[in-house]
Amino acid sequence: MARVIWVEILSRGGHVVARHRCTGPSLRIGRSYQSDVIIDDPAVAPDHLRVMQGEDGAFLVEAVSESGGFAIDGERRERSLVD
Protein backbone atom coordinates (compact mmCIF):
# COMPACT_ATOMS: atom_id res chain seq x y z
CA MET A 1 0.00 0.00 0.00
CA ALA A 2 1.33 3.46 -0.90
CA ARG A 3 2.29 5.80 1.90
CA VAL A 4 0.31 8.99 2.34
CA ILE A 5 1.90 12.16 3.68
CA TRP A 6 -0.36 15.07 4.61
CA VAL A 7 1.18 18.53 4.48
CA GLU A 8 -0.56 21.52 6.05
CA ILE A 9 0.42 25.04 5.01
CA LEU A 10 0.05 27.49 7.88
CA SER A 11 -0.38 31.25 7.82
CA ARG A 12 2.05 33.37 9.81
CA GLY A 13 -0.63 33.39 12.52
CA GLY A 14 -0.62 29.58 12.66
CA HIS A 15 -3.93 28.94 10.88
CA VAL A 16 -4.19 26.15 8.30
CA VAL A 17 -4.64 27.74 4.86
CA ALA A 18 -4.16 24.60 2.72
CA ARG A 19 -3.80 20.83 3.03
CA HIS A 20 -2.03 18.62 0.50
CA ARG A 21 -2.23 14.81 0.25
CA CYS A 22 0.91 13.26 -1.22
CA THR A 23 1.54 9.58 -1.90
CA GLY A 24 4.90 7.93 -2.04
CA PRO A 25 7.92 7.65 0.23
CA SER A 26 8.94 11.31 -0.22
CA LEU A 27 7.75 14.68 -1.44
CA ARG A 28 9.29 17.99 -2.51
CA ILE A 29 8.17 21.43 -1.39
CA GLY A 30 9.06 24.63 -3.24
CA ARG A 31 8.07 27.30 -5.77
CA SER A 32 8.87 25.05 -8.76
CA TYR A 33 6.00 23.53 -10.72
CA GLN A 34 7.84 20.20 -10.40
CA SER A 35 7.29 20.30 -6.61
CA ASP A 36 4.63 18.09 -5.03
CA VAL A 37 3.58 21.03 -2.84
CA ILE A 38 3.94 24.42 -4.56
CA ILE A 39 4.27 27.52 -2.37
CA ASP A 40 4.08 30.81 -4.25
CA ASP A 41 6.26 32.90 -1.94
CA PRO A 42 9.54 34.65 -2.82
CA ALA A 43 11.03 33.46 0.48
CA VAL A 44 10.64 29.85 -0.70
CA ALA A 45 13.29 28.47 -3.08
CA PRO A 46 12.17 26.70 -6.27
CA ASP A 47 13.39 23.42 -4.72
CA HIS A 48 13.18 24.15 -1.00
CA LEU A 49 12.58 21.00 1.08
CA ARG A 50 12.31 17.26 0.77
CA VAL A 51 10.25 15.26 3.27
CA MET A 52 10.75 11.51 3.61
CA GLN A 53 8.98 9.03 5.86
CA GLY A 54 11.00 6.11 7.14
CA GLU A 55 9.73 2.59 7.73
CA ASP A 56 9.41 3.45 11.44
CA GLY A 57 7.02 6.32 10.58
CA ALA A 58 9.44 9.13 11.49
CA PHE A 59 9.76 12.04 9.08
CA LEU A 60 13.09 13.42 7.89
CA VAL A 61 12.99 16.97 6.51
CA GLU A 62 16.00 18.26 4.63
CA ALA A 63 16.85 21.45 2.79
CA VAL A 64 17.43 21.06 -0.94
CA SER A 65 20.14 22.97 -2.87
CA GLU A 66 20.47 26.64 -1.92
CA SER A 67 17.16 26.93 -0.06
CA GLY A 68 18.67 28.44 3.07
CA GLY A 69 17.25 25.70 5.24
CA PHE A 70 14.23 25.94 7.49
CA ALA A 71 13.39 26.74 11.10
CA ILE A 72 11.92 24.58 13.85
CA ASP A 73 11.00 26.50 17.00
CA GLY A 74 13.10 29.40 15.72
CA GLU A 75 16.25 27.29 15.23
CA ARG A 76 17.71 27.19 11.69
CA ARG A 77 18.29 23.69 10.33
CA GLU A 78 19.43 21.97 7.17
CA ARG A 79 18.13 18.54 8.20
CA SER A 80 15.95 17.28 11.04
CA LEU A 81 13.74 14.43 12.21
CA VAL A 82 10.26 15.73 13.01
CA ASP A 83 7.18 14.28 14.63
PDB file of N, CA and C in Angstrom:
ATOM      1  N   MET A   1       0.839  -1.187   0.000  1.00  0.00           N
ATOM      2  CA  MET A   1       0.000   0.000   0.000  1.00  0.00           C
ATOM      3  C   MET A   1       0.882   1.247   0.000  1.00  0.00           C
ATOM      4  N   ALA A   2       0.539   2.231  -0.801  1.00  0.00           N
ATOM      5  CA  ALA A   2       1.327   3.464  -0.896  1.00  0.00           C
ATOM      6  C   ALA A   2       1.199   4.285   0.384  1.00  0.00           C
ATOM      7  N   ARG A   3       2.302   4.909   0.747  1.00  0.00           N
ATOM      8  CA  ARG A   3       2.291   5.802   1.902  1.00  0.00           C
ATOM      9  C   ARG A   3       1.575   7.090   1.531  1.00  0.00           C
ATOM     10  N   VAL A   4       0.954   7.696   2.520  1.00  0.00           N
ATOM     11  CA  VAL A   4       0.311   8.990   2.339  1.00  0.00           C
ATOM     12  C   VAL A   4       0.931   9.954   3.331  1.00  0.00           C
ATOM     13  N   ILE A   5       1.367  11.100   2.832  1.00  0.00           N
ATOM     14  CA  ILE A   5       1.905  12.161   3.684  1.00  0.00           C
ATOM     15  C   ILE A   5       0.988  13.364   3.522  1.00  0.00           C
ATOM     16  N   TRP A   6       0.463  13.858   4.627  1.00  0.00           N
ATOM     17  CA  TRP A   6      -0.359  15.066   4.611  1.00  0.00           C
ATOM     18  C   TRP A   6       0.517  16.240   4.989  1.00  0.00           C
ATOM     19  N   VAL A   7       0.437  17.307   4.210  1.00  0.00           N
ATOM     20  CA  VAL A   7       1.185  18.527   4.481  1.00  0.00           C
ATOM     21  C   VAL A   7       0.177  19.647   4.678  1.00  0.00           C
ATOM     22  N   GLU A   8       0.293  20.355   5.799  1.00  0.00           N
ATOM     23  CA  GLU A   8      -0.561  21.517   6.050  1.00  0.00           C
ATOM     24  C   GLU A   8       0.282  22.776   5.910  1.00  0.00           C
ATOM     25  N   ILE A   9      -0.225  23.748   5.168  1.00  0.00           N
ATOM     26  CA  ILE A   9       0.420  25.042   5.010  1.00  0.00           C
ATOM     27  C   ILE A   9      -0.251  25.984   5.998  1.00  0.00           C
ATOM     28  N   LEU A  10       0.568  26.602   6.855  1.00  0.00           N
ATOM     29  CA  LEU A  10       0.046  27.494   7.884  1.00  0.00           C
ATOM     30  C   LEU A  10       0.309  28.948   7.531  1.00  0.00           C
ATOM     31  N   SER A  11      -0.607  29.818   7.946  1.00  0.00           N
ATOM     32  CA  SER A  11      -0.381  31.253   7.817  1.00  0.00           C
ATOM     33  C   SER A  11       0.635  31.673   8.880  1.00  0.00           C
ATOM     34  N   ARG A  12       1.111  32.884   8.787  1.00  0.00           N
ATOM     35  CA  ARG A  12       2.048  33.374   9.810  1.00  0.00           C
ATOM     36  C   ARG A  12       1.411  33.372  11.194  1.00  0.00           C
ATOM     37  N   GLY A  13       0.087  33.433  11.239  1.00  0.00           N
ATOM     38  CA  GLY A  13      -0.629  33.389  12.516  1.00  0.00           C
ATOM     39  C   GLY A  13      -0.889  31.976  13.016  1.00  0.00           C
ATOM     40  N   GLY A  14      -0.470  30.966  12.229  1.00  0.00           N
ATOM     41  CA  GLY A  14      -0.615  29.578  12.663  1.00  0.00           C
ATOM     42  C   GLY A  14      -1.895  28.893  12.223  1.00  0.00           C
ATOM     43  N   HIS A  15      -2.689  29.539  11.359  1.00  0.00           N
ATOM     44  CA  HIS A  15      -3.932  28.943  10.877  1.00  0.00           C
ATOM     45  C   HIS A  15      -3.669  28.133   9.609  1.00  0.00           C
ATOM     46  N   VAL A  16      -4.340  26.984   9.489  1.00  0.00           N
ATOM     47  CA  VAL A  16      -4.193  26.146   8.298  1.00  0.00           C
ATOM     48  C   VAL A  16      -4.864  26.844   7.122  1.00  0.00           C
ATOM     49  N   VAL A  17      -4.087  27.094   6.057  1.00  0.00           N
ATOM     50  CA  VAL A  17      -4.643  27.736   4.863  1.00  0.00           C
ATOM     51  C   VAL A  17      -4.758  26.759   3.698  1.00  0.00           C
ATOM     52  N   ALA A  18      -4.073  25.618   3.776  1.00  0.00           N
ATOM     53  CA  ALA A  18      -4.163  24.605   2.722  1.00  0.00           C
ATOM     54  C   ALA A  18      -3.677  23.267   3.262  1.00  0.00           C
ATOM     55  N   ARG A  19      -4.238  22.182   2.701  1.00  0.00           N
ATOM     56  CA  ARG A  19      -3.801  20.827   3.027  1.00  0.00           C
ATOM     57  C   ARG A  19      -3.511  20.116   1.710  1.00  0.00           C
ATOM     58  N   HIS A  20      -2.411  19.365   1.691  1.00  0.00           N
ATOM     59  CA  HIS A  20      -2.030  18.616   0.502  1.00  0.00           C
ATOM     60  C   HIS A  20      -1.840  17.157   0.883  1.00  0.00           C
ATOM     61  N   ARG A  21      -2.390  16.260   0.064  1.00  0.00           N
ATOM     62  CA  ARG A  21      -2.230  14.810   0.252  1.00  0.00           C
ATOM     63  C   ARG A  21      -1.229  14.330  -0.783  1.00  0.00           C
ATOM     64  N   CYS A  22      -0.137  13.740  -0.324  1.00  0.00           N
ATOM     65  CA  CYS A  22       0.907  13.258  -1.225  1.00  0.00           C
ATOM     66  C   CYS A  22       1.131  11.774  -0.970  1.00  0.00           C
ATOM     67  N   THR A  23       1.263  11.004  -2.041  1.00  0.00           N
ATOM     68  CA  THR A  23       1.545   9.582  -1.904  1.00  0.00           C
ATOM     69  C   THR A  23       2.988   9.317  -2.291  1.00  0.00           C
ATOM     70  N   GLY A  24       3.524   8.284  -1.734  1.00  0.00           N
ATOM     71  CA  GLY A  24       4.904   7.928  -2.043  1.00  0.00           C
ATOM     72  C   GLY A  24       5.788   8.074  -0.817  1.00  0.00           C
ATOM     73  N   PRO A  25       7.009   7.626  -0.928  1.00  0.00           N
ATOM     74  CA  PRO A  25       7.916   7.649   0.225  1.00  0.00           C
ATOM     75  C   PRO A  25       8.509   9.031   0.508  1.00  0.00           C
ATOM     76  N   SER A  26       8.384   9.979  -0.457  1.00  0.00           N
ATOM     77  CA  SER A  26       8.942  11.309  -0.223  1.00  0.00           C
ATOM     78  C   SER A  26       8.167  12.340  -1.029  1.00  0.00           C
ATOM     79  N   LEU A  27       8.363  13.596  -0.685  1.00  0.00           N
ATOM     80  CA  LEU A  27       7.753  14.681  -1.438  1.00  0.00           C
ATOM     81  C   LEU A  27       8.674  15.885  -1.421  1.00  0.00           C
ATOM     82  N   ARG A  28       8.499  16.756  -2.403  1.00  0.00           N
ATOM     83  CA  ARG A  28       9.290  17.986  -2.510  1.00  0.00           C
ATOM     84  C   ARG A  28       8.373  19.188  -2.343  1.00  0.00           C
ATOM     85  N   ILE A  29       8.893  20.185  -1.638  1.00  0.00           N
ATOM     86  CA  ILE A  29       8.168  21.426  -1.389  1.00  0.00           C
ATOM     87  C   ILE A  29       8.995  22.572  -1.956  1.00  0.00           C
ATOM     88  N   GLY A  30       8.351  23.476  -2.691  1.00  0.00           N
ATOM     89  CA  GLY A  30       9.056  24.630  -3.240  1.00  0.00           C
ATOM     90  C   GLY A  30       8.179  25.445  -4.165  1.00  0.00           C
ATOM     91  N   ARG A  31       8.780  26.448  -4.810  1.00  0.00           N
ATOM     92  CA  ARG A  31       8.068  27.298  -5.772  1.00  0.00           C
ATOM     93  C   ARG A  31       7.958  26.653  -7.147  1.00  0.00           C
ATOM     94  N   SER A  32       8.819  25.687  -7.442  1.00  0.00           N
ATOM     95  CA  SER A  32       8.867  25.054  -8.757  1.00  0.00           C
ATOM     96  C   SER A  32       7.585  24.280  -9.050  1.00  0.00           C
ATOM     97  N   TYR A  33       7.169  24.300 -10.320  1.00  0.00           N
ATOM     98  CA  TYR A  33       5.998  23.527 -10.720  1.00  0.00           C
ATOM     99  C   TYR A  33       6.266  22.024 -10.691  1.00  0.00           C
ATOM    100  N   GLN A  34       7.515  21.619 -10.544  1.00  0.00           N
ATOM    101  CA  GLN A  34       7.843  20.202 -10.403  1.00  0.00           C
ATOM    102  C   GLN A  34       7.694  19.728  -8.953  1.00  0.00           C
ATOM    103  N   SER A  35       7.456  20.650  -8.028  1.00  0.00           N
ATOM    104  CA  SER A  35       7.288  20.296  -6.615  1.00  0.00           C
ATOM    105  C   SER A  35       5.951  19.592  -6.407  1.00  0.00           C
ATOM    106  N   ASP A  36       5.901  18.728  -5.404  1.00  0.00           N
ATOM    107  CA  ASP A  36       4.631  18.093  -5.029  1.00  0.00           C
ATOM    108  C   ASP A  36       3.716  19.093  -4.338  1.00  0.00           C
ATOM    109  N   VAL A  37       4.307  19.957  -3.516  1.00  0.00           N
ATOM    110  CA  VAL A  37       3.577  21.031  -2.839  1.00  0.00           C
ATOM    111  C   VAL A  37       4.209  22.343  -3.293  1.00  0.00           C
ATOM    112  N   ILE A  38       3.433  23.156  -4.006  1.00  0.00           N
ATOM    113  CA  ILE A  38       3.940  24.415  -4.555  1.00  0.00           C
ATOM    114  C   ILE A  38       3.527  25.559  -3.629  1.00  0.00           C
ATOM    115  N   ILE A  39       4.520  26.353  -3.222  1.00  0.00           N
ATOM    116  CA  ILE A  39       4.266  27.515  -2.372  1.00  0.00           C
ATOM    117  C   ILE A  39       4.733  28.752  -3.130  1.00  0.00           C
ATOM    118  N   ASP A  40       3.789  29.603  -3.483  1.00  0.00           N
ATOM    119  CA  ASP A  40       4.082  30.809  -4.255  1.00  0.00           C
ATOM    120  C   ASP A  40       4.477  31.930  -3.291  1.00  0.00           C
ATOM    121  N   ASP A  41       5.735  31.915  -2.890  1.00  0.00           N
ATOM    122  CA  ASP A  41       6.262  32.900  -1.938  1.00  0.00           C
ATOM    123  C   ASP A  41       7.724  33.136  -2.289  1.00  0.00           C
ATOM    124  N   PRO A  42       8.146  34.389  -2.451  1.00  0.00           N
ATOM    125  CA  PRO A  42       9.543  34.647  -2.822  1.00  0.00           C
ATOM    126  C   PRO A  42      10.555  34.181  -1.777  1.00  0.00           C
ATOM    127  N   ALA A  43      10.120  33.955  -0.555  1.00  0.00           N
ATOM    128  CA  ALA A  43      11.030  33.463   0.481  1.00  0.00           C
ATOM    129  C   ALA A  43      11.280  31.964   0.363  1.00  0.00           C
ATOM    130  N   VAL A  44      10.516  31.291  -0.491  1.00  0.00           N
ATOM    131  CA  VAL A  44      10.641  29.849  -0.701  1.00  0.00           C
ATOM    132  C   VAL A  44      11.431  29.618  -1.979  1.00  0.00           C
ATOM    133  N   ALA A  45      12.474  28.787  -1.905  1.00  0.00           N
ATOM    134  CA  ALA A  45      13.291  28.466  -3.075  1.00  0.00           C
ATOM    135  C   ALA A  45      12.498  27.588  -4.039  1.00  0.00           C
ATOM    136  N   PRO A  46      12.867  27.580  -5.327  1.00  0.00           N
ATOM    137  CA  PRO A  46      12.171  26.703  -6.273  1.00  0.00           C
ATOM    138  C   PRO A  46      12.170  25.238  -5.815  1.00  0.00           C
ATOM    139  N   ASP A  47      13.285  24.749  -5.324  1.00  0.00           N
ATOM    140  CA  ASP A  47      13.386  23.416  -4.717  1.00  0.00           C
ATOM    141  C   ASP A  47      13.829  23.644  -3.283  1.00  0.00           C
ATOM    142  N   HIS A  48      12.889  23.703  -2.363  1.00  0.00           N
ATOM    143  CA  HIS A  48      13.176  24.149  -1.000  1.00  0.00           C
ATOM    144  C   HIS A  48      13.440  22.997  -0.027  1.00  0.00           C
ATOM    145  N   LEU A  49      12.482  22.091   0.103  1.00  0.00           N
ATOM    146  CA  LEU A  49      12.580  21.000   1.085  1.00  0.00           C
ATOM    147  C   LEU A  49      12.207  19.670   0.472  1.00  0.00           C
ATOM    148  N   ARG A  50      12.743  18.623   1.072  1.00  0.00           N
ATOM    149  CA  ARG A  50      12.312  17.259   0.768  1.00  0.00           C
ATOM    150  C   ARG A  50      11.897  16.632   2.088  1.00  0.00           C
ATOM    151  N   VAL A  51      10.762  15.946   2.082  1.00  0.00           N
ATOM    152  CA  VAL A  51      10.247  15.264   3.269  1.00  0.00           C
ATOM    153  C   VAL A  51      10.172  13.782   2.936  1.00  0.00           C
ATOM    154  N   MET A  52      10.760  12.960   3.813  1.00  0.00           N
ATOM    155  CA  MET A  52      10.748  11.514   3.612  1.00  0.00           C
ATOM    156  C   MET A  52      10.234  10.843   4.879  1.00  0.00           C
ATOM    157  N   GLN A  53       9.459   9.790   4.717  1.00  0.00           N
ATOM    158  CA  GLN A  53       8.979   9.026   5.861  1.00  0.00           C
ATOM    159  C   GLN A  53       9.671   7.678   5.872  1.00  0.00           C
ATOM    160  N   GLY A  54      10.311   7.378   6.987  1.00  0.00           N
ATOM    161  CA  GLY A  54      10.996   6.105   7.139  1.00  0.00           C
ATOM    162  C   GLY A  54      10.040   4.978   7.468  1.00  0.00           C
ATOM    163  N   GLU A  55      10.541   3.764   7.421  1.00  0.00           N
ATOM    164  CA  GLU A  55       9.730   2.586   7.733  1.00  0.00           C
ATOM    165  C   GLU A  55       9.157   2.651   9.146  1.00  0.00           C
ATOM    166  N   ASP A  56       9.875   3.328  10.060  1.00  0.00           N
ATOM    167  CA  ASP A  56       9.408   3.454  11.439  1.00  0.00           C
ATOM    168  C   ASP A  56       8.369   4.555  11.614  1.00  0.00           C
ATOM    169  N   GLY A  57       8.033   5.274  10.527  1.00  0.00           N
ATOM    170  CA  GLY A  57       7.023   6.316  10.579  1.00  0.00           C
ATOM    171  C   GLY A  57       7.567   7.711  10.839  1.00  0.00           C
ATOM    172  N   ALA A  58       8.843   7.819  11.218  1.00  0.00           N
ATOM    173  CA  ALA A  58       9.444   9.125  11.491  1.00  0.00           C
ATOM    174  C   ALA A  58       9.665   9.881  10.183  1.00  0.00           C
ATOM    175  N   PHE A  59       9.559  11.189  10.250  1.00  0.00           N
ATOM    176  CA  PHE A  59       9.761  12.036   9.080  1.00  0.00           C
ATOM    177  C   PHE A  59      11.116  12.715   9.148  1.00  0.00           C
ATOM    178  N   LEU A  60      11.827  12.698   8.037  1.00  0.00           N
ATOM    179  CA  LEU A  60      13.087  13.423   7.894  1.00  0.00           C
ATOM    180  C   LEU A  60      12.826  14.567   6.926  1.00  0.00           C
ATOM    181  N   VAL A  61      13.127  15.780   7.359  1.00  0.00           N
ATOM    182  CA  VAL A  61      12.994  16.968   6.510  1.00  0.00           C
ATOM    183  C   VAL A  61      14.395  17.470   6.233  1.00  0.00           C
ATOM    184  N   GLU A  62      14.690  17.730   4.955  1.00  0.00           N
ATOM    185  CA  GLU A  62      16.005  18.261   4.628  1.00  0.00           C
ATOM    186  C   GLU A  62      15.902  19.357   3.585  1.00  0.00           C
ATOM    187  N   ALA A  63      16.773  20.349   3.738  1.00  0.00           N
ATOM    188  CA  ALA A  63      16.852  21.454   2.789  1.00  0.00           C
ATOM    189  C   ALA A  63      17.436  20.930   1.485  1.00  0.00           C
ATOM    190  N   VAL A  64      16.960  21.463   0.375  1.00  0.00           N
ATOM    191  CA  VAL A  64      17.434  21.062  -0.942  1.00  0.00           C
ATOM    192  C   VAL A  64      18.181  22.244  -1.559  1.00  0.00           C
ATOM    193  N   SER A  65      19.304  21.982  -2.170  1.00  0.00           N
ATOM    194  CA  SER A  65      20.137  22.971  -2.868  1.00  0.00           C
ATOM    195  C   SER A  65      20.391  24.213  -2.025  1.00  0.00           C
ATOM    196  N   GLU A  66      20.158  25.371  -2.576  1.00  0.00           N
ATOM    197  CA  GLU A  66      20.467  26.642  -1.916  1.00  0.00           C
ATOM    198  C   GLU A  66      19.240  27.248  -1.249  1.00  0.00           C
ATOM    199  N   SER A  67      18.420  26.434  -0.617  1.00  0.00           N
ATOM    200  CA  SER A  67      17.162  26.932  -0.061  1.00  0.00           C
ATOM    201  C   SER A  67      17.350  27.793   1.181  1.00  0.00           C
ATOM    202  N   GLY A  68      18.479  27.681   1.838  1.00  0.00           N
ATOM    203  CA  GLY A  68      18.673  28.439   3.070  1.00  0.00           C
ATOM    204  C   GLY A  68      18.165  27.715   4.298  1.00  0.00           C
ATOM    205  N   GLY A  69      17.693  26.498   4.106  1.00  0.00           N
ATOM    206  CA  GLY A  69      17.246  25.700   5.236  1.00  0.00           C
ATOM    207  C   GLY A  69      15.839  26.049   5.677  1.00  0.00           C
ATOM    208  N   PHE A  70      15.552  25.722   6.921  1.00  0.00           N
ATOM    209  CA  PHE A  70      14.228  25.940   7.487  1.00  0.00           C
ATOM    210  C   PHE A  70      14.393  26.130   8.980  1.00  0.00           C
ATOM    211  N   ALA A  71      13.327  26.510   9.656  1.00  0.00           N
ATOM    212  CA  ALA A  71      13.388  26.744  11.100  1.00  0.00           C
ATOM    213  C   ALA A  71      12.380  25.851  11.812  1.00  0.00           C
ATOM    214  N   ILE A  72      12.804  25.303  12.943  1.00  0.00           N
ATOM    215  CA  ILE A  72      11.923  24.578  13.849  1.00  0.00           C
ATOM    216  C   ILE A  72      12.086  25.243  15.202  1.00  0.00           C
ATOM    217  N   ASP A  73      10.978  25.760  15.735  1.00  0.00           N
ATOM    218  CA  ASP A  73      11.003  26.500  17.005  1.00  0.00           C
ATOM    219  C   ASP A  73      12.056  27.600  16.985  1.00  0.00           C
ATOM    220  N   GLY A  74      12.180  28.277  15.847  1.00  0.00           N
ATOM    221  CA  GLY A  74      13.103  29.398  15.719  1.00  0.00           C
ATOM    222  C   GLY A  74      14.554  29.028  15.466  1.00  0.00           C
ATOM    223  N   GLU A  75      14.877  27.742  15.454  1.00  0.00           N
ATOM    224  CA  GLU A  75      16.253  27.293  15.231  1.00  0.00           C
ATOM    225  C   GLU A  75      16.441  26.882  13.772  1.00  0.00           C
ATOM    226  N   ARG A  76      17.434  27.499  13.098  1.00  0.00           N
ATOM    227  CA  ARG A  76      17.711  27.189  11.693  1.00  0.00           C
ATOM    228  C   ARG A  76      18.292  25.785  11.567  1.00  0.00           C
ATOM    229  N   ARG A  77      17.829  25.071  10.553  1.00  0.00           N
ATOM    230  CA  ARG A  77      18.287  23.694  10.327  1.00  0.00           C
ATOM    231  C   ARG A  77      18.460  23.451   8.837  1.00  0.00           C
ATOM    232  N   GLU A  78      19.291  22.471   8.528  1.00  0.00           N
ATOM    233  CA  GLU A  78      19.434  21.967   7.168  1.00  0.00           C
ATOM    234  C   GLU A  78      18.780  20.589   7.036  1.00  0.00           C
ATOM    235  N   ARG A  79      18.666  19.904   8.180  1.00  0.00           N
ATOM    236  CA  ARG A  79      18.129  18.539   8.196  1.00  0.00           C
ATOM    237  C   ARG A  79      17.633  18.252   9.597  1.00  0.00           C
ATOM    238  N   SER A  80      16.488  17.567   9.715  1.00  0.00           N
ATOM    239  CA  SER A  80      15.951  17.280  11.039  1.00  0.00           C
ATOM    240  C   SER A  80      14.900  16.174  10.980  1.00  0.00           C
ATOM    241  N   LEU A  81      14.849  15.360  12.006  1.00  0.00           N
ATOM    242  CA  LEU A  81      13.741  14.433  12.208  1.00  0.00           C
ATOM    243  C   LEU A  81      12.632  15.215  12.874  1.00  0.00           C
ATOM    244  N   VAL A  82      11.399  15.018  12.425  1.00  0.00           N
ATOM    245  CA  VAL A  82      10.258  15.730  13.008  1.00  0.00           C
ATOM    246  C   VAL A  82       9.165  14.732  13.338  1.00  0.00           C
ATOM    247  N   ASP A  83       8.318  15.132  14.281  1.00  0.00           N
ATOM    248  CA  ASP A  83       7.180  14.284  14.627  1.00  0.00           C
ATOM    249  C   ASP A  83       5.892  14.941  14.195  1.00  0.00           C
TER     250      ASP A  83
END
